[in-house]
């Protein structure tokens, strides 16, 4: 009789586990170098989203008030003593993040709106995509060539990505 009760409890527990999908945790990494004028706004926009669990600003050796502005805005700040470049800042942030989903945002996005961030994260939260890549008006520059493309290649080769789909958000989608 005790085996039947134990079996029943296990079945109920597994049904509850299958039915209760825990939302994925979200970390936002913001590499910043001398961005005291804009970093607080970017942090504020991200902080307004209830599904974001962690905001990390990586102060990449800034000599202005970037670190202080980010702290005042409510971000966790990790600092490089000297400027090591955006790739190193991204790597530092990623290594120290805890989220199952990680969003990288530039600290100099002057007119960032919550709905823009939603369009980047919601496809992943909703199970529609594994990776989201954004595309903005400016032409591909050094950062795109040296950071974004290698990151996309890295993620596309990971065996944990069963269904890789890249969503290109055009500027009209972000306004």
N, C-alpha and C. Protein backbone atom coordinates (compact mmCIF):
# COMPACT_ATOMS: atom_id res chain seq x y z
N UNK A 1 0.82 -1.20 0.00
CA UNK A 1 0.00 0.00 0.00
C UNK A 1 0.86 1.26 0.00
N UNK A 2 1.96 1.24 0.77
CA UNK A 2 2.83 2.43 0.82
C UNK A 2 3.48 2.68 -0.55
N UNK A 3 3.76 1.63 -1.33
CA UNK A 3 4.31 1.77 -2.66
C UNK A 3 3.32 2.46 -3.60
N UNK A 4 2.07 2.17 -3.45
CA UNK A 4 1.03 2.78 -4.28
C UNK A 4 0.93 4.27 -3.97
N UNK A 5 0.97 4.60 -2.69
CA UNK A 5 0.90 6.02 -2.28
C UNK A 5 2.12 6.77 -2.80
N UNK A 6 3.31 6.16 -2.65
CA UNK A 6 4.53 6.78 -3.14
C UNK A 6 4.47 6.99 -4.64
N UNK A 7 4.00 5.99 -5.37
CA UNK A 7 3.86 6.09 -6.81
C UNK A 7 2.90 7.21 -7.20
N UNK A 8 1.78 7.32 -6.48
CA UNK A 8 0.79 8.36 -6.73
C UNK A 8 1.40 9.75 -6.49
N UNK A 9 2.16 9.89 -5.41
CA UNK A 9 2.81 11.17 -5.10
C UNK A 9 3.80 11.53 -6.21
N UNK A 10 4.58 10.57 -6.66
CA UNK A 10 5.55 10.83 -7.73
C UNK A 10 4.86 11.24 -9.03
N UNK A 11 3.75 10.60 -9.35
CA UNK A 11 3.00 10.95 -10.57
C UNK A 11 2.45 12.37 -10.47
N UNK A 12 1.88 12.70 -9.33
CA UNK A 12 1.33 14.06 -9.13
C UNK A 12 2.46 15.08 -9.21
N UNK A 13 3.59 14.78 -8.58
CA UNK A 13 4.72 15.71 -8.62
C UNK A 13 5.24 15.91 -10.04
N UNK A 14 5.31 14.85 -10.82
CA UNK A 14 5.81 14.99 -12.18
C UNK A 14 4.81 15.73 -13.06
N UNK A 15 3.52 15.54 -12.85
CA UNK A 15 2.52 16.28 -13.61
C UNK A 15 2.61 17.76 -13.28
N UNK A 16 2.77 18.10 -12.01
CA UNK A 16 2.94 19.50 -11.61
C UNK A 16 4.18 20.10 -12.23
N UNK A 17 5.27 19.36 -12.24
CA UNK A 17 6.51 19.85 -12.82
C UNK A 17 6.35 20.09 -14.31
N UNK A 18 5.66 19.19 -15.01
CA UNK A 18 5.47 19.35 -16.45
C UNK A 18 4.56 20.54 -16.74
N UNK A 19 3.59 20.80 -15.89
CA UNK A 19 2.65 21.88 -16.15
C UNK A 19 3.16 23.24 -15.70
N UNK A 20 4.11 23.28 -14.80
CA UNK A 20 4.59 24.56 -14.31
C UNK A 20 5.91 24.90 -14.97
N UNK A 21 5.83 25.65 -16.06
CA UNK A 21 7.03 26.07 -16.76
C UNK A 21 7.57 27.32 -16.07
N UNK A 22 8.73 27.18 -15.48
CA UNK A 22 9.38 28.31 -14.84
C UNK A 22 9.92 29.22 -15.93
N UNK A 23 9.65 30.52 -15.85
CA UNK A 23 10.18 31.42 -16.87
C UNK A 23 11.71 31.42 -16.83
N UNK A 24 12.30 31.59 -18.00
CA UNK A 24 13.75 31.64 -18.08
C UNK A 24 14.26 32.94 -17.49
N UNK A 25 15.41 32.87 -16.82
CA UNK A 25 15.99 34.08 -16.24
C UNK A 25 16.73 34.87 -17.32
N UNK A 26 16.70 36.19 -17.18
CA UNK A 26 17.27 37.09 -18.18
C UNK A 26 18.33 37.99 -17.55
N UNK A 27 19.51 37.98 -18.15
CA UNK A 27 20.58 38.90 -17.77
C UNK A 27 20.83 39.85 -18.93
N UNK A 28 21.07 41.11 -18.61
CA UNK A 28 21.42 42.10 -19.63
C UNK A 28 22.82 42.60 -19.33
N UNK A 29 23.69 42.48 -20.32
CA UNK A 29 25.08 42.91 -20.20
C UNK A 29 25.25 44.19 -21.01
N UNK A 30 25.78 45.22 -20.39
CA UNK A 30 25.96 46.50 -21.05
C UNK A 30 27.44 46.89 -20.97
N UNK A 31 28.21 46.62 -22.02
CA UNK A 31 29.60 47.08 -22.02
C UNK A 31 29.63 48.59 -22.19
N UNK A 32 30.48 49.27 -21.42
CA UNK A 32 30.47 50.73 -21.47
C UNK A 32 31.89 51.29 -21.35
N UNK A 33 32.18 52.24 -22.21
CA UNK A 33 33.44 52.97 -22.14
C UNK A 33 33.14 54.45 -22.31
N UNK A 34 33.32 55.21 -21.25
CA UNK A 34 33.07 56.66 -21.24
C UNK A 34 31.67 57.01 -21.76
N UNK A 35 30.67 56.39 -21.15
CA UNK A 35 29.27 56.59 -21.56
C UNK A 35 28.43 57.20 -20.43
N UNK A 36 29.01 58.11 -19.64
CA UNK A 36 28.29 58.68 -18.50
C UNK A 36 26.99 59.40 -18.91
N UNK A 37 26.92 59.90 -20.12
CA UNK A 37 25.75 60.65 -20.56
C UNK A 37 24.56 59.75 -20.91
N UNK A 38 24.80 58.48 -21.23
CA UNK A 38 23.72 57.62 -21.72
C UNK A 38 23.49 56.34 -20.92
N UNK A 39 24.47 55.89 -20.16
CA UNK A 39 24.36 54.58 -19.51
C UNK A 39 23.19 54.49 -18.54
N UNK A 40 22.90 55.56 -17.80
CA UNK A 40 21.79 55.52 -16.83
C UNK A 40 20.46 55.32 -17.54
N UNK A 41 20.28 55.95 -18.70
CA UNK A 41 19.04 55.78 -19.45
C UNK A 41 18.87 54.34 -19.92
N UNK A 42 19.93 53.75 -20.44
CA UNK A 42 19.86 52.36 -20.91
C UNK A 42 19.53 51.44 -19.74
N UNK A 43 20.20 51.62 -18.61
CA UNK A 43 19.92 50.81 -17.42
C UNK A 43 18.47 51.02 -16.97
N UNK A 44 18.00 52.25 -16.98
CA UNK A 44 16.63 52.55 -16.57
C UNK A 44 15.59 51.87 -17.43
N UNK A 45 15.80 51.86 -18.74
CA UNK A 45 14.87 51.20 -19.66
C UNK A 45 14.83 49.71 -19.36
N UNK A 46 16.00 49.10 -19.22
CA UNK A 46 16.07 47.66 -18.96
C UNK A 46 15.46 47.34 -17.60
N UNK A 47 15.72 48.19 -16.63
CA UNK A 47 15.20 47.97 -15.27
C UNK A 47 13.67 48.03 -15.23
N UNK A 48 13.06 48.72 -16.16
CA UNK A 48 11.61 48.85 -16.19
C UNK A 48 10.91 47.57 -16.66
N UNK A 49 11.67 46.63 -17.18
CA UNK A 49 11.09 45.39 -17.70
C UNK A 49 11.06 44.33 -16.60
N UNK A 50 9.87 43.83 -16.28
CA UNK A 50 9.72 42.94 -15.13
C UNK A 50 10.35 41.56 -15.32
N UNK A 51 10.71 41.18 -16.53
CA UNK A 51 11.28 39.86 -16.75
C UNK A 51 12.81 39.87 -16.71
N UNK A 52 13.42 41.03 -16.55
CA UNK A 52 14.88 41.11 -16.46
C UNK A 52 15.30 40.88 -15.01
N UNK A 53 16.14 39.87 -14.81
CA UNK A 53 16.58 39.49 -13.47
C UNK A 53 17.89 40.14 -13.05
N UNK A 54 18.69 40.52 -14.02
CA UNK A 54 20.05 40.98 -13.70
C UNK A 54 20.51 41.97 -14.76
N UNK A 55 21.08 43.09 -14.31
CA UNK A 55 21.64 44.09 -15.21
C UNK A 55 23.10 44.30 -14.79
N UNK A 56 24.00 43.98 -15.71
CA UNK A 56 25.43 44.13 -15.44
C UNK A 56 26.01 45.14 -16.43
N UNK A 57 26.58 46.20 -15.90
CA UNK A 57 27.33 47.14 -16.72
C UNK A 57 28.80 46.80 -16.51
N UNK A 58 29.51 46.59 -17.62
CA UNK A 58 30.95 46.36 -17.55
C UNK A 58 31.63 47.67 -17.93
N UNK A 59 32.15 48.35 -16.92
CA UNK A 59 32.86 49.60 -17.12
C UNK A 59 34.26 49.25 -17.63
N UNK A 60 34.50 49.52 -18.88
CA UNK A 60 35.74 49.09 -19.53
C UNK A 60 36.82 50.16 -19.44
N UNK A 61 37.20 50.50 -18.21
CA UNK A 61 38.29 51.45 -18.00
C UNK A 61 37.91 52.90 -18.26
N UNK A 62 36.65 53.24 -18.09
CA UNK A 62 36.20 54.61 -18.33
C UNK A 62 36.91 55.60 -17.40
N UNK A 63 37.14 56.80 -17.92
CA UNK A 63 37.76 57.86 -17.11
C UNK A 63 36.75 58.95 -16.78
N UNK A 64 35.49 58.75 -17.14
CA UNK A 64 34.43 59.70 -16.79
C UNK A 64 33.58 59.10 -15.67
N UNK A 65 32.36 59.50 -15.53
CA UNK A 65 31.49 59.03 -14.46
C UNK A 65 30.61 57.84 -14.82
N UNK A 66 31.00 57.06 -15.80
CA UNK A 66 30.20 55.92 -16.25
C UNK A 66 29.86 54.98 -15.11
N UNK A 67 30.86 54.59 -14.34
CA UNK A 67 30.64 53.63 -13.25
C UNK A 67 29.62 54.17 -12.24
N UNK A 68 29.79 55.40 -11.81
CA UNK A 68 28.89 56.00 -10.82
C UNK A 68 27.47 56.12 -11.36
N UNK A 69 27.32 56.55 -12.59
CA UNK A 69 25.98 56.70 -13.19
C UNK A 69 25.28 55.34 -13.28
N UNK A 70 26.02 54.31 -13.65
CA UNK A 70 25.44 52.97 -13.76
C UNK A 70 25.02 52.45 -12.39
N UNK A 71 25.85 52.68 -11.38
CA UNK A 71 25.50 52.26 -10.02
C UNK A 71 24.26 52.99 -9.52
N UNK A 72 24.21 54.30 -9.74
CA UNK A 72 23.06 55.10 -9.32
C UNK A 72 21.78 54.66 -10.02
N UNK A 73 21.90 54.18 -11.25
CA UNK A 73 20.72 53.72 -12.01
C UNK A 73 20.25 52.34 -11.56
N UNK A 74 21.08 51.64 -10.77
CA UNK A 74 20.66 50.35 -10.23
C UNK A 74 21.30 49.13 -10.84
N UNK A 75 22.35 49.30 -11.61
CA UNK A 75 23.03 48.16 -12.23
C UNK A 75 24.12 47.63 -11.31
N UNK A 76 24.45 46.37 -11.50
CA UNK A 76 25.66 45.81 -10.92
C UNK A 76 26.78 46.23 -11.85
N UNK A 77 27.87 46.74 -11.30
CA UNK A 77 28.96 47.23 -12.15
C UNK A 77 30.22 46.40 -11.90
N UNK A 78 30.78 45.91 -12.99
CA UNK A 78 32.08 45.24 -12.99
C UNK A 78 33.02 46.17 -13.74
N UNK A 79 34.22 46.39 -13.21
CA UNK A 79 35.11 47.36 -13.83
C UNK A 79 36.44 46.76 -14.25
N UNK A 80 36.88 47.11 -15.44
CA UNK A 80 38.23 46.84 -15.89
C UNK A 80 39.07 48.04 -15.47
N UNK A 81 40.27 47.80 -14.99
CA UNK A 81 41.15 48.89 -14.56
C UNK A 81 41.53 49.76 -15.75
N UNK A 82 41.80 49.12 -16.89
CA UNK A 82 42.10 49.87 -18.11
C UNK A 82 41.21 49.34 -19.23
N UNK A 83 41.07 50.13 -20.27
CA UNK A 83 40.25 49.76 -21.40
C UNK A 83 40.82 48.54 -22.10
N UNK A 84 39.98 47.50 -22.23
CA UNK A 84 40.40 46.26 -22.87
C UNK A 84 39.63 45.99 -24.17
N UNK A 85 38.68 46.84 -24.47
CA UNK A 85 37.90 46.68 -25.69
C UNK A 85 36.54 46.04 -25.42
N UNK A 86 35.66 46.24 -26.37
CA UNK A 86 34.28 45.78 -26.22
C UNK A 86 34.18 44.26 -26.08
N UNK A 87 34.98 43.53 -26.84
CA UNK A 87 34.95 42.06 -26.76
C UNK A 87 35.28 41.56 -25.37
N UNK A 88 36.30 42.16 -24.75
CA UNK A 88 36.68 41.78 -23.39
C UNK A 88 35.59 42.13 -22.40
N UNK A 89 34.95 43.28 -22.59
CA UNK A 89 33.85 43.69 -21.70
C UNK A 89 32.67 42.73 -21.83
N UNK A 90 32.36 42.32 -23.04
CA UNK A 90 31.27 41.35 -23.26
C UNK A 90 31.62 40.03 -22.56
N UNK A 91 32.85 39.59 -22.72
CA UNK A 91 33.29 38.34 -22.11
C UNK A 91 33.21 38.42 -20.58
N UNK A 92 33.66 39.51 -20.00
CA UNK A 92 33.59 39.70 -18.54
C UNK A 92 32.14 39.64 -18.07
N UNK A 93 31.27 40.34 -18.76
CA UNK A 93 29.86 40.34 -18.39
C UNK A 93 29.24 38.97 -18.49
N UNK A 94 29.52 38.28 -19.59
CA UNK A 94 28.95 36.95 -19.80
C UNK A 94 29.41 35.97 -18.75
N UNK A 95 30.70 35.99 -18.44
CA UNK A 95 31.26 35.07 -17.43
C UNK A 95 30.63 35.29 -16.05
N UNK A 96 30.20 36.50 -15.77
CA UNK A 96 29.66 36.83 -14.46
C UNK A 96 28.14 36.87 -14.42
N UNK A 97 27.50 36.57 -15.53
CA UNK A 97 26.04 36.60 -15.57
C UNK A 97 25.47 35.26 -15.11
N UNK A 98 24.22 35.30 -14.65
CA UNK A 98 23.56 34.10 -14.15
C UNK A 98 22.36 33.70 -15.00
N UNK A 99 21.96 34.54 -15.94
CA UNK A 99 20.74 34.30 -16.71
C UNK A 99 20.86 33.18 -17.72
N UNK A 100 19.72 32.55 -17.97
CA UNK A 100 19.64 31.55 -19.03
C UNK A 100 19.59 32.23 -20.40
N UNK A 101 19.08 33.45 -20.41
CA UNK A 101 19.05 34.29 -21.61
C UNK A 101 19.95 35.48 -21.31
N UNK A 102 20.84 35.81 -22.24
CA UNK A 102 21.73 36.95 -22.07
C UNK A 102 21.55 37.90 -23.24
N UNK A 103 21.27 39.15 -22.93
CA UNK A 103 21.13 40.20 -23.93
C UNK A 103 22.30 41.16 -23.78
N UNK A 104 22.96 41.46 -24.89
CA UNK A 104 24.02 42.44 -24.89
C UNK A 104 23.47 43.73 -25.50
N UNK A 105 23.58 44.83 -24.75
CA UNK A 105 23.11 46.14 -25.23
C UNK A 105 24.24 47.15 -25.13
N UNK A 106 24.36 48.00 -26.11
CA UNK A 106 25.34 49.08 -26.05
C UNK A 106 24.89 50.12 -25.04
N UNK A 107 25.85 50.77 -24.40
CA UNK A 107 25.54 51.79 -23.40
C UNK A 107 25.21 53.14 -24.03
N UNK A 108 25.41 53.28 -25.32
CA UNK A 108 25.20 54.58 -25.97
C UNK A 108 23.91 54.66 -26.79
N UNK A 109 22.94 53.82 -26.46
CA UNK A 109 21.67 53.86 -27.18
C UNK A 109 20.82 55.00 -26.63
N UNK A 110 20.86 56.12 -27.32
CA UNK A 110 20.25 57.36 -26.84
C UNK A 110 18.73 57.28 -26.68
N UNK A 111 18.07 56.63 -27.61
CA UNK A 111 16.61 56.64 -27.62
C UNK A 111 16.02 55.26 -27.40
N UNK A 112 16.68 54.44 -26.61
CA UNK A 112 16.20 53.08 -26.35
C UNK A 112 14.86 53.11 -25.64
N UNK A 113 13.93 52.27 -26.08
CA UNK A 113 12.60 52.18 -25.49
C UNK A 113 12.36 50.75 -25.03
N UNK A 114 11.53 50.56 -23.99
CA UNK A 114 11.24 49.20 -23.53
C UNK A 114 10.71 48.28 -24.62
N UNK A 115 9.89 48.80 -25.53
CA UNK A 115 9.33 47.93 -26.58
C UNK A 115 10.43 47.43 -27.52
N UNK A 116 11.51 48.17 -27.66
CA UNK A 116 12.62 47.71 -28.48
C UNK A 116 13.30 46.50 -27.83
N UNK A 117 13.49 46.58 -26.53
CA UNK A 117 14.10 45.47 -25.81
C UNK A 117 13.16 44.26 -25.84
N UNK A 118 11.86 44.52 -25.70
CA UNK A 118 10.87 43.44 -25.80
C UNK A 118 11.01 42.68 -27.11
N UNK A 119 11.18 43.42 -28.20
CA UNK A 119 11.27 42.78 -29.52
C UNK A 119 12.53 41.95 -29.66
N UNK A 120 13.52 42.22 -28.82
CA UNK A 120 14.75 41.43 -28.86
C UNK A 120 14.65 40.18 -27.98
N UNK A 121 13.96 40.28 -26.85
CA UNK A 121 13.94 39.18 -25.88
C UNK A 121 12.71 38.30 -25.99
N UNK A 122 11.57 38.87 -26.31
CA UNK A 122 10.32 38.08 -26.34
C UNK A 122 10.36 36.87 -27.27
N UNK A 123 11.00 36.94 -28.46
CA UNK A 123 11.04 35.73 -29.30
C UNK A 123 11.71 34.54 -28.58
N UNK A 124 12.69 34.82 -27.74
CA UNK A 124 13.35 33.75 -27.00
C UNK A 124 12.48 33.29 -25.84
N UNK A 125 11.93 34.24 -25.09
CA UNK A 125 11.06 33.89 -23.96
C UNK A 125 9.84 33.09 -24.42
N UNK A 126 9.35 33.41 -25.62
CA UNK A 126 8.17 32.72 -26.15
C UNK A 126 8.51 31.43 -26.89
N UNK A 127 9.77 31.05 -26.91
CA UNK A 127 10.17 29.80 -27.57
C UNK A 127 10.17 29.87 -29.08
N UNK A 128 10.17 31.08 -29.65
CA UNK A 128 10.14 31.24 -31.10
C UNK A 128 11.53 31.27 -31.72
N UNK A 129 12.54 31.53 -30.90
CA UNK A 129 13.90 31.66 -31.41
C UNK A 129 14.90 31.28 -30.32
N UNK A 130 16.08 30.86 -30.75
CA UNK A 130 17.17 30.59 -29.83
C UNK A 130 18.13 31.76 -29.73
N UNK A 131 18.30 32.48 -30.82
CA UNK A 131 19.19 33.63 -30.89
C UNK A 131 18.48 34.74 -31.64
N UNK A 132 18.62 35.97 -31.16
CA UNK A 132 18.05 37.12 -31.85
C UNK A 132 19.20 38.08 -32.15
N UNK A 133 19.28 38.50 -33.40
CA UNK A 133 20.29 39.46 -33.84
C UNK A 133 19.54 40.69 -34.31
N UNK A 134 19.99 41.85 -33.90
CA UNK A 134 19.34 43.08 -34.35
C UNK A 134 20.16 43.73 -35.44
N UNK A 135 19.46 44.52 -36.22
CA UNK A 135 20.13 45.24 -37.30
C UNK A 135 19.65 46.68 -37.24
N UNK A 136 20.59 47.59 -37.20
CA UNK A 136 20.26 49.01 -37.12
C UNK A 136 20.63 49.71 -38.41
N UNK A 137 20.28 50.97 -38.52
CA UNK A 137 20.47 51.74 -39.75
C UNK A 137 21.93 51.86 -40.17
N UNK A 138 22.83 52.05 -39.21
CA UNK A 138 24.21 52.28 -39.60
C UNK A 138 24.80 51.04 -40.31
N UNK A 139 25.77 51.31 -41.15
CA UNK A 139 26.40 50.22 -41.89
C UNK A 139 27.25 49.38 -40.96
N UNK A 140 27.47 48.15 -41.35
CA UNK A 140 28.30 47.25 -40.55
C UNK A 140 29.69 47.85 -40.42
N UNK A 141 30.12 47.97 -39.21
CA UNK A 141 31.43 48.54 -38.94
C UNK A 141 32.34 47.52 -38.31
N UNK A 142 33.38 48.00 -37.69
CA UNK A 142 34.39 47.15 -37.09
C UNK A 142 33.81 46.26 -36.00
N UNK A 143 32.93 46.83 -35.17
CA UNK A 143 32.35 46.04 -34.08
C UNK A 143 31.51 44.89 -34.63
N UNK A 144 30.73 45.17 -35.67
CA UNK A 144 29.92 44.11 -36.28
C UNK A 144 30.82 43.01 -36.83
N UNK A 145 31.86 43.39 -37.53
CA UNK A 145 32.75 42.42 -38.14
C UNK A 145 33.54 41.63 -37.11
N UNK A 146 33.97 42.28 -36.03
CA UNK A 146 34.84 41.63 -35.06
C UNK A 146 34.10 41.00 -33.88
N UNK A 147 32.88 41.44 -33.61
CA UNK A 147 32.16 40.94 -32.44
C UNK A 147 30.89 40.19 -32.82
N UNK A 148 29.98 40.85 -33.52
CA UNK A 148 28.66 40.26 -33.77
C UNK A 148 28.74 39.01 -34.65
N UNK A 149 29.44 39.07 -35.75
CA UNK A 149 29.50 37.91 -36.64
C UNK A 149 30.17 36.71 -35.98
N UNK A 150 31.32 36.89 -35.31
CA UNK A 150 31.90 35.72 -34.61
C UNK A 150 30.99 35.16 -33.52
N UNK A 151 30.27 36.02 -32.80
CA UNK A 151 29.35 35.53 -31.78
C UNK A 151 28.23 34.70 -32.41
N UNK A 152 27.68 35.17 -33.51
CA UNK A 152 26.63 34.41 -34.18
C UNK A 152 27.16 33.07 -34.69
N UNK A 153 28.36 33.08 -35.22
CA UNK A 153 28.95 31.81 -35.66
C UNK A 153 29.15 30.86 -34.48
N UNK A 154 29.62 31.40 -33.37
CA UNK A 154 29.82 30.58 -32.17
C UNK A 154 28.52 29.94 -31.72
N UNK A 155 27.47 30.76 -31.61
CA UNK A 155 26.18 30.25 -31.14
C UNK A 155 25.57 29.26 -32.13
N UNK A 156 25.77 29.49 -33.42
CA UNK A 156 25.17 28.60 -34.41
C UNK A 156 25.84 27.23 -34.41
N UNK A 157 27.08 27.15 -33.90
CA UNK A 157 27.80 25.88 -33.86
C UNK A 157 27.59 25.12 -32.56
N UNK A 158 26.95 25.73 -31.58
CA UNK A 158 26.73 25.06 -30.30
C UNK A 158 25.71 23.95 -30.46
N UNK A 159 26.03 22.80 -29.93
CA UNK A 159 25.13 21.65 -30.06
C UNK A 159 23.86 21.83 -29.24
N UNK A 160 23.88 22.73 -28.23
CA UNK A 160 22.69 22.94 -27.41
C UNK A 160 21.59 23.69 -28.15
N UNK A 161 21.91 24.27 -29.28
CA UNK A 161 20.90 24.98 -30.05
C UNK A 161 20.27 24.02 -31.05
N UNK A 162 19.14 23.49 -30.68
CA UNK A 162 18.46 22.53 -31.54
C UNK A 162 17.82 23.21 -32.74
N UNK A 163 17.31 24.40 -32.54
CA UNK A 163 16.57 25.08 -33.59
C UNK A 163 17.05 26.51 -33.66
N UNK A 164 18.11 26.74 -34.38
CA UNK A 164 18.67 28.08 -34.49
C UNK A 164 17.86 28.89 -35.48
N UNK A 165 17.36 30.01 -35.02
CA UNK A 165 16.73 30.95 -35.92
C UNK A 165 17.17 32.34 -35.51
N UNK A 166 17.57 33.10 -36.48
CA UNK A 166 18.04 34.45 -36.22
C UNK A 166 16.97 35.41 -36.71
N UNK A 167 16.54 36.30 -35.84
CA UNK A 167 15.51 37.27 -36.17
C UNK A 167 16.19 38.60 -36.42
N UNK A 168 16.09 39.11 -37.64
CA UNK A 168 16.63 40.42 -37.96
C UNK A 168 15.56 41.46 -37.72
N UNK A 169 15.78 42.33 -36.76
CA UNK A 169 14.86 43.41 -36.49
C UNK A 169 15.34 44.65 -37.25
N UNK A 170 14.56 45.10 -38.18
CA UNK A 170 14.90 46.28 -38.96
C UNK A 170 14.56 47.52 -38.14
N UNK A 171 15.13 48.67 -38.50
CA UNK A 171 14.83 49.90 -37.74
C UNK A 171 13.34 50.18 -37.61
N UNK A 172 12.55 49.88 -38.64
CA UNK A 172 11.10 50.13 -38.54
C UNK A 172 10.45 49.26 -37.46
N UNK A 173 11.03 48.08 -37.17
CA UNK A 173 10.51 47.20 -36.13
C UNK A 173 10.84 47.68 -34.74
N UNK A 174 11.85 48.53 -34.64
CA UNK A 174 12.31 48.99 -33.34
C UNK A 174 11.76 50.35 -32.96
N UNK A 175 10.89 50.90 -33.76
CA UNK A 175 10.35 52.21 -33.41
C UNK A 175 8.93 52.12 -32.94
